[in-house]
Amino acid sequence: MASTRGLLEIAASFTPVPVGVKAVPPGTLTTPVSVDAQQLQALIVAALHATAPQVIWYDHDGDVLVHVDRTVVALFEGVVLVGLTLETEQTGVGQVAVPLSVGSPQFAAGLLVMTESRPRGPVALVDRWGDAAVAASWRALIDAAHALALQTGIDASGARLVPGALSTDGKTFTVVPQARHAIDAVVGR
C-alpha cells in the first residue's frame, strides 16, 4: 500500500485549504469535498502502491503482476468502477473490473460500499485473483476517501475529520467529512 504521506499530499492538492478552521462538534457532518474521476484515479493509484508502477501480489504458490500504473477509474451514478490490469505467465495481461457501489444523489448510503459476488474480467484471472482485486480496490477507495476527509478540518478533540458518507453522481466522487463521535474521540490526531 502507498505511503500515507504520499496519499495525503495528493489529497491535499485536490482539497481546498480550510480557512479559519473551527473545531467541529462530535458526530457533525461538514461540507462535502468532491474530486473528479481523474483525481480519484490518482488517489487510488497512490493507495495501491508505494513507489513502483508495478507490484507483485503473492498468494501461497501463486503470484500476479499488478500494473498499478494502468489502473483506471470510471464513475457512474452510485458506482465507482476500478479497473486493475493483472498479468500472469499462464494468462498473460488482462483487466479485472471491480464495480464498487456507493451512495448517489438519490440514495444516501453513508459508508456502505458493496460489490458484485465476483469482479468482471478474464475468467482465469478472476477465478484466481478476483478476491484480491476486490479487497485491494475496496481498500484503495476507503484510503482515498479517508485521505480527502483528513484534509478538511479537525474535531473538538483536535483529531482530523473522517469520512461520514461516500457518493458519486457519475461526474464526481464526493466524501462528506465527519467529526468522530465522542465515544470514538482521538486526542490530537
C-alpha atoms as a PDB file:
ATOM      1  CA  MET A   1       0.000   0.000   0.000  1.00  0.00           C
ATOM      2  CA  ALA A   2       1.030   3.577  -0.505  1.00  0.00           C
ATOM      3  CA  SER A   3       2.857   5.633   1.989  1.00  0.00           C
ATOM      4  CA  THR A   4       0.344   7.620   3.970  1.00  0.00           C
ATOM      5  CA  ARG A   5       2.351  10.770   3.366  1.00  0.00           C
ATOM      6  CA  GLY A   6       2.189  10.434  -0.438  1.00  0.00           C
ATOM      7  CA  LEU A   7      -1.542   9.772  -0.393  1.00  0.00           C
ATOM      8  CA  LEU A   8      -2.164  12.743   1.906  1.00  0.00           C
ATOM      9  CA  GLU A   9      -0.091  15.020  -0.313  1.00  0.00           C
ATOM     10  CA  ILE A  10      -2.178  14.078  -3.351  1.00  0.00           C
ATOM     11  CA  ALA A  11      -5.423  14.534  -1.391  1.00  0.00           C
ATOM     12  CA  ALA A  12      -4.245  17.930  -0.156  1.00  0.00           C
ATOM     13  CA  SER A  13      -3.645  19.070  -3.734  1.00  0.00           C
ATOM     14  CA  PHE A  14      -7.317  18.305  -4.575  1.00  0.00           C
ATOM     15  CA  THR A  15      -8.847  19.728  -1.395  1.00  0.00           C
ATOM     16  CA  PRO A  16      -9.302  23.438  -0.699  1.00  0.00           C
ATOM     17  CA  VAL A  17      -7.380  24.564   2.369  1.00  0.00           C
ATOM     18  CA  PRO A  18      -9.853  25.352   5.156  1.00  0.00           C
ATOM     19  CA  VAL A  19      -9.652  28.981   6.254  1.00  0.00           C
ATOM     20  CA  GLY A  20     -10.221  29.809   9.910  1.00  0.00           C
ATOM     21  CA  VAL A  21     -10.759  26.177  10.861  1.00  0.00           C
ATOM     22  CA  LYS A  22     -13.159  25.787  13.745  1.00  0.00           C
ATOM     23  CA  ALA A  23     -13.378  22.580  15.702  1.00  0.00           C
ATOM     24  CA  VAL A  24     -16.319  20.505  14.546  1.00  0.00           C
ATOM     25  CA  PRO A  25     -18.588  19.171  17.327  1.00  0.00           C
ATOM     26  CA  PRO A  26     -18.677  15.374  17.816  1.00  0.00           C
ATOM     27  CA  GLY A  27     -20.663  13.462  15.183  1.00  0.00           C
ATOM     28  CA  THR A  28     -21.215  16.521  12.989  1.00  0.00           C
ATOM     29  CA  LEU A  29     -21.083  16.221   9.207  1.00  0.00           C
ATOM     30  CA  THR A  30     -19.294  19.050   7.393  1.00  0.00           C
ATOM     31  CA  THR A  31     -19.059  20.470   3.890  1.00  0.00           C
ATOM     32  CA  PRO A  32     -18.618  17.708   1.283  1.00  0.00           C
ATOM     33  CA  VAL A  33     -15.427  17.534  -0.769  1.00  0.00           C
ATOM     34  CA  SER A  34     -15.553  16.231  -4.349  1.00  0.00           C
ATOM     35  CA  VAL A  35     -12.999  15.029  -6.881  1.00  0.00           C
ATOM     36  CA  ASP A  36     -13.443  14.034 -10.499  1.00  0.00           C
ATOM     37  CA  ALA A  37     -12.647  10.574 -11.894  1.00  0.00           C
ATOM     38  CA  GLN A  38      -9.104  11.535 -12.872  1.00  0.00           C
ATOM     39  CA  GLN A  39      -8.335  12.886  -9.397  1.00  0.00           C
ATOM     40  CA  LEU A  40      -9.892   9.823  -7.740  1.00  0.00           C
ATOM     41  CA  GLN A  41      -7.816   7.635 -10.036  1.00  0.00           C
ATOM     42  CA  ALA A  42      -4.632   9.387  -8.864  1.00  0.00           C
ATOM     43  CA  LEU A  43      -5.647   8.783  -5.243  1.00  0.00           C
ATOM     44  CA  ILE A  44      -6.493   5.119  -5.851  1.00  0.00           C
ATOM     45  CA  VAL A  45      -3.228   4.526  -7.723  1.00  0.00           C
ATOM     46  CA  ALA A  46      -1.349   6.119  -4.810  1.00  0.00           C
ATOM     47  CA  ALA A  47      -3.229   3.906  -2.355  1.00  0.00           C
ATOM     48  CA  LEU A  48      -2.388   0.747  -4.348  1.00  0.00           C
ATOM     49  CA  HIS A  49       1.396   1.062  -4.354  1.00  0.00           C
ATOM     50  CA  ALA A  50       4.308   2.720  -2.652  1.00  0.00           C
ATOM     51  CA  THR A  51       6.620   3.915  -5.423  1.00  0.00           C
ATOM     52  CA  ALA A  52       6.665   1.283  -8.158  1.00  0.00           C
ATOM     53  CA  PRO A  53       4.476   1.287 -11.279  1.00  0.00           C
ATOM     54  CA  GLN A  54       4.045  -2.467 -10.842  1.00  0.00           C
ATOM     55  CA  VAL A  55       3.729  -4.625  -7.748  1.00  0.00           C
ATOM     56  CA  ILE A  56       3.537  -8.371  -7.241  1.00  0.00           C
ATOM     57  CA  TRP A  57       0.819  -9.979  -5.190  1.00  0.00           C
ATOM     58  CA  TYR A  58       1.663 -13.367  -3.698  1.00  0.00           C
ATOM     59  CA  ASP A  59      -0.798 -15.998  -2.535  1.00  0.00           C
ATOM     60  CA  HIS A  60       0.526 -19.387  -1.430  1.00  0.00           C
ATOM     61  CA  ASP A  61       2.154 -20.842  -4.567  1.00  0.00           C
ATOM     62  CA  GLY A  62       0.936 -18.172  -6.993  1.00  0.00           C
ATOM     63  CA  ASP A  63       1.816 -14.637  -7.907  1.00  0.00           C
ATOM     64  CA  VAL A  64       0.423 -11.976 -10.186  1.00  0.00           C
ATOM     65  CA  LEU A  65       1.991  -8.796 -11.533  1.00  0.00           C
ATOM     66  CA  VAL A  66      -0.274  -5.811 -10.941  1.00  0.00           C
ATOM     67  CA  HIS A  67       0.300  -2.963 -13.396  1.00  0.00           C
ATOM     68  CA  VAL A  68      -0.715  -0.265 -10.928  1.00  0.00           C
ATOM     69  CA  ASP A  69       0.232   2.450 -13.413  1.00  0.00           C
ATOM     70  CA  ARG A  70      -2.508   1.146 -15.751  1.00  0.00           C
ATOM     71  CA  THR A  71      -5.266   1.354 -13.133  1.00  0.00           C
ATOM     72  CA  VAL A  72      -8.343   3.148 -14.426  1.00  0.00           C
ATOM     73  CA  VAL A  73     -11.282   4.601 -12.539  1.00  0.00           C
ATOM     74  CA  ALA A  74     -14.665   5.428 -14.031  1.00  0.00           C
ATOM     75  CA  LEU A  75     -17.629   6.998 -12.267  1.00  0.00           C
ATOM     76  CA  PHE A  76     -21.271   6.151 -12.851  1.00  0.00           C
ATOM     77  CA  GLU A  77     -24.189   7.266 -10.727  1.00  0.00           C
ATOM     78  CA  GLY A  78     -23.747   5.360  -7.466  1.00  0.00           C
ATOM     79  CA  VAL A  79     -20.809   3.279  -8.769  1.00  0.00           C
ATOM     80  CA  VAL A  80     -17.033   3.647  -8.742  1.00  0.00           C
ATOM     81  CA  LEU A  81     -15.533   1.238 -11.269  1.00  0.00           C
ATOM     82  CA  VAL A  82     -11.894   0.311 -10.617  1.00  0.00           C
ATOM     83  CA  GLY A  83     -10.069  -1.455 -13.444  1.00  0.00           C
ATOM     84  CA  LEU A  84      -6.911  -3.305 -12.428  1.00  0.00           C
ATOM     85  CA  THR A  85      -4.501  -4.661 -15.027  1.00  0.00           C
ATOM     86  CA  LEU A  86      -3.111  -8.030 -13.923  1.00  0.00           C
ATOM     87  CA  GLU A  87      -0.590 -10.345 -15.586  1.00  0.00           C
ATOM     88  CA  THR A  88       0.480 -13.923 -15.002  1.00  0.00           C
ATOM     89  CA  GLU A  89       2.633 -16.296 -17.059  1.00  0.00           C
ATOM     90  CA  GLN A  90      -0.396 -18.534 -17.593  1.00  0.00           C
ATOM     91  CA  THR A  91      -2.955 -15.884 -18.575  1.00  0.00           C
ATOM     92  CA  GLY A  92      -0.988 -13.000 -19.992  1.00  0.00           C
ATOM     93  CA  VAL A  93      -2.283  -9.478 -19.391  1.00  0.00           C
ATOM     94  CA  GLY A  94      -5.938  -8.844 -18.575  1.00  0.00           C
ATOM     95  CA  GLN A  95      -8.088  -6.232 -16.895  1.00  0.00           C
ATOM     96  CA  VAL A  96     -10.223  -7.079 -13.873  1.00  0.00           C
ATOM     97  CA  ALA A  97     -13.020  -4.576 -13.276  1.00  0.00           C
ATOM     98  CA  VAL A  98     -14.358  -4.106  -9.751  1.00  0.00           C
ATOM     99  CA  PRO A  99     -17.645  -2.159  -9.500  1.00  0.00           C
ATOM    100  CA  LEU A 100     -17.980  -0.590  -6.050  1.00  0.00           C
ATOM    101  CA  SER A 101     -21.469   0.625  -5.268  1.00  0.00           C
ATOM    102  CA  VAL A 102     -21.590   3.716  -3.047  1.00  0.00           C
ATOM    103  CA  GLY A 103     -24.267   6.314  -2.431  1.00  0.00           C
ATOM    104  CA  SER A 104     -25.745   8.568  -5.104  1.00  0.00           C
ATOM    105  CA  PRO A 105     -27.735  11.808  -5.074  1.00  0.00           C
ATOM    106  CA  GLN A 106     -30.924   9.719  -4.917  1.00  0.00           C
ATOM    107  CA  PHE A 107     -29.647   7.076  -2.472  1.00  0.00           C
ATOM    108  CA  ALA A 108     -27.810   8.029   0.706  1.00  0.00           C
ATOM    109  CA  ALA A 109     -25.624   5.092   1.715  1.00  0.00           C
ATOM    110  CA  GLY A 110     -23.275   6.526   4.337  1.00  0.00           C
ATOM    111  CA  LEU A 111     -20.090   4.471   4.293  1.00  0.00           C
ATOM    112  CA  LEU A 112     -21.736   1.387   2.819  1.00  0.00           C
ATOM    113  CA  VAL A 113     -19.737   0.039  -0.124  1.00  0.00           C
ATOM    114  CA  MET A 114     -20.995  -3.046  -1.944  1.00  0.00           C
ATOM    115  CA  THR A 115     -19.801  -5.023  -4.927  1.00  0.00           C
ATOM    116  CA  GLU A 116     -20.860  -7.975  -7.057  1.00  0.00           C
ATOM    117  CA  SER A 117     -20.072 -11.514  -5.947  1.00  0.00           C
ATOM    118  CA  ARG A 118     -17.111 -11.567  -8.341  1.00  0.00           C
ATOM    119  CA  PRO A 119     -15.378  -8.905 -10.423  1.00  0.00           C
ATOM    120  CA  ARG A 120     -15.546  -8.810 -14.203  1.00  0.00           C
ATOM    121  CA  GLY A 121     -12.714  -9.864 -16.473  1.00  0.00           C
ATOM    122  CA  PRO A 122     -10.890 -12.868 -17.881  1.00  0.00           C
ATOM    123  CA  VAL A 123     -12.184 -15.996 -16.128  1.00  0.00           C
ATOM    124  CA  ALA A 124      -8.733 -17.398 -15.265  1.00  0.00           C
ATOM    125  CA  LEU A 125      -7.641 -14.120 -13.635  1.00  0.00           C
ATOM    126  CA  VAL A 126     -10.956 -13.570 -11.840  1.00  0.00           C
ATOM    127  CA  ASP A 127     -11.063 -17.164 -10.553  1.00  0.00           C
ATOM    128  CA  ARG A 128      -7.576 -16.919  -9.044  1.00  0.00           C
ATOM    129  CA  TRP A 129      -7.200 -13.221  -8.208  1.00  0.00           C
ATOM    130  CA  GLY A 130     -10.743 -11.827  -8.073  1.00  0.00           C
ATOM    131  CA  ASP A 131     -10.990 -11.718  -4.280  1.00  0.00           C
ATOM    132  CA  ALA A 132      -7.633  -9.940  -4.029  1.00  0.00           C
ATOM    133  CA  ALA A 133      -8.701  -7.427  -6.706  1.00  0.00           C
ATOM    134  CA  VAL A 134     -11.926  -6.676  -4.821  1.00  0.00           C
ATOM    135  CA  ALA A 135     -10.101  -6.295  -1.498  1.00  0.00           C
ATOM    136  CA  ALA A 136      -7.414  -4.043  -2.982  1.00  0.00           C
ATOM    137  CA  SER A 137      -9.947  -1.876  -4.833  1.00  0.00           C
ATOM    138  CA  TRP A 138     -12.172  -1.507  -1.777  1.00  0.00           C
ATOM    139  CA  ARG A 139      -9.231  -0.685   0.471  1.00  0.00           C
ATOM    140  CA  ALA A 140      -7.830   1.851  -2.002  1.00  0.00           C
ATOM    141  CA  LEU A 141     -11.229   3.584  -2.282  1.00  0.00           C
ATOM    142  CA  ILE A 142     -11.584   3.766   1.509  1.00  0.00           C
ATOM    143  CA  ASP A 143      -7.996   5.044   1.861  1.00  0.00           C
ATOM    144  CA  ALA A 144      -8.661   7.704  -0.808  1.00  0.00           C
ATOM    145  CA  ALA A 145     -11.876   8.815   0.947  1.00  0.00           C
ATOM    146  CA  HIS A 146     -10.083   8.929   4.289  1.00  0.00           C
ATOM    147  CA  ALA A 147      -7.226  10.991   2.836  1.00  0.00           C
ATOM    148  CA  LEU A 148      -9.709  13.520   1.435  1.00  0.00           C
ATOM    149  CA  ALA A 149     -11.642  13.787   4.717  1.00  0.00           C
ATOM    150  CA  LEU A 150      -8.441  14.272   6.728  1.00  0.00           C
ATOM    151  CA  GLN A 151      -7.729  17.483   4.793  1.00  0.00           C
ATOM    152  CA  THR A 152     -10.979  19.222   5.700  1.00  0.00           C
ATOM    153  CA  GLY A 153     -10.673  20.132   9.358  1.00  0.00           C
ATOM    154  CA  ILE A 154     -10.485  18.949  12.952  1.00  0.00           C
ATOM    155  CA  ASP A 155     -12.947  17.838  15.583  1.00  0.00           C
ATOM    156  CA  ALA A 156     -13.345  19.140  19.138  1.00  0.00           C
ATOM    157  CA  SER A 157     -10.570  16.838  20.411  1.00  0.00           C
ATOM    158  CA  GLY A 158      -8.104  18.080  17.778  1.00  0.00           C
ATOM    159  CA  ALA A 159      -8.289  14.984  15.588  1.00  0.00           C
ATOM    160  CA  ARG A 160      -8.692  15.275  11.839  1.00  0.00           C
ATOM    161  CA  LEU A 161     -12.097  14.524  10.346  1.00  0.00           C
ATOM    162  CA  VAL A 162     -13.012  11.100   8.934  1.00  0.00           C
ATOM    163  CA  PRO A 163     -15.339  10.079   6.088  1.00  0.00           C
ATOM    164  CA  GLY A 164     -19.012  10.064   7.076  1.00  0.00           C
ATOM    165  CA  ALA A 165     -20.545   9.292   3.678  1.00  0.00           C
ATOM    166  CA  LEU A 166     -19.459   8.437   0.123  1.00  0.00           C
ATOM    167  CA  SER A 167     -21.344   9.028  -3.105  1.00  0.00           C
ATOM    168  CA  THR A 168     -20.974   9.655  -6.806  1.00  0.00           C
ATOM    169  CA  ASP A 169     -23.282  11.353  -9.268  1.00  0.00           C
ATOM    170  CA  GLY A 170     -21.330   9.898 -12.190  1.00  0.00           C
ATOM    171  CA  LYS A 171     -19.217  13.028 -12.631  1.00  0.00           C
ATOM    172  CA  THR A 172     -17.633  13.472  -9.202  1.00  0.00           C
ATOM    173  CA  PHE A 173     -16.851  11.303  -6.196  1.00  0.00           C
ATOM    174  CA  THR A 174     -17.955  13.015  -3.001  1.00  0.00           C
ATOM    175  CA  VAL A 175     -16.850  12.466   0.577  1.00  0.00           C
ATOM    176  CA  VAL A 176     -18.811  14.010   3.431  1.00  0.00           C
ATOM    177  CA  PRO A 177     -16.325  14.562   6.269  1.00  0.00           C
ATOM    178  CA  GLN A 178     -17.493  13.972   9.817  1.00  0.00           C
ATOM    179  CA  ALA A 179     -16.170  14.594  13.301  1.00  0.00           C
ATOM    180  CA  ARG A 180     -15.761  11.417  15.305  1.00  0.00           C
ATOM    181  CA  HIS A 181     -18.460  10.767  17.878  1.00  0.00           C
ATOM    182  CA  ALA A 182     -17.498  11.488  21.499  1.00  0.00           C
ATOM    183  CA  ILE A 183     -17.147   7.779  22.288  1.00  0.00           C
ATOM    184  CA  ASP A 184     -14.692   7.443  19.385  1.00  0.00           C
ATOM    185  CA  ALA A 185     -12.630  10.564  20.109  1.00  0.00           C
ATOM    186  CA  VAL A 186      -8.902  10.506  19.395  1.00  0.00           C
ATOM    187  CA  VAL A 187      -6.960  13.286  21.051  1.00  0.00           C
ATOM    188  CA  GLY A 188      -4.518  15.260  18.930  1.00  0.00           C
ATOM    189  CA  ARG A 189      -4.625  13.340  15.647  1.00  0.00           C
END
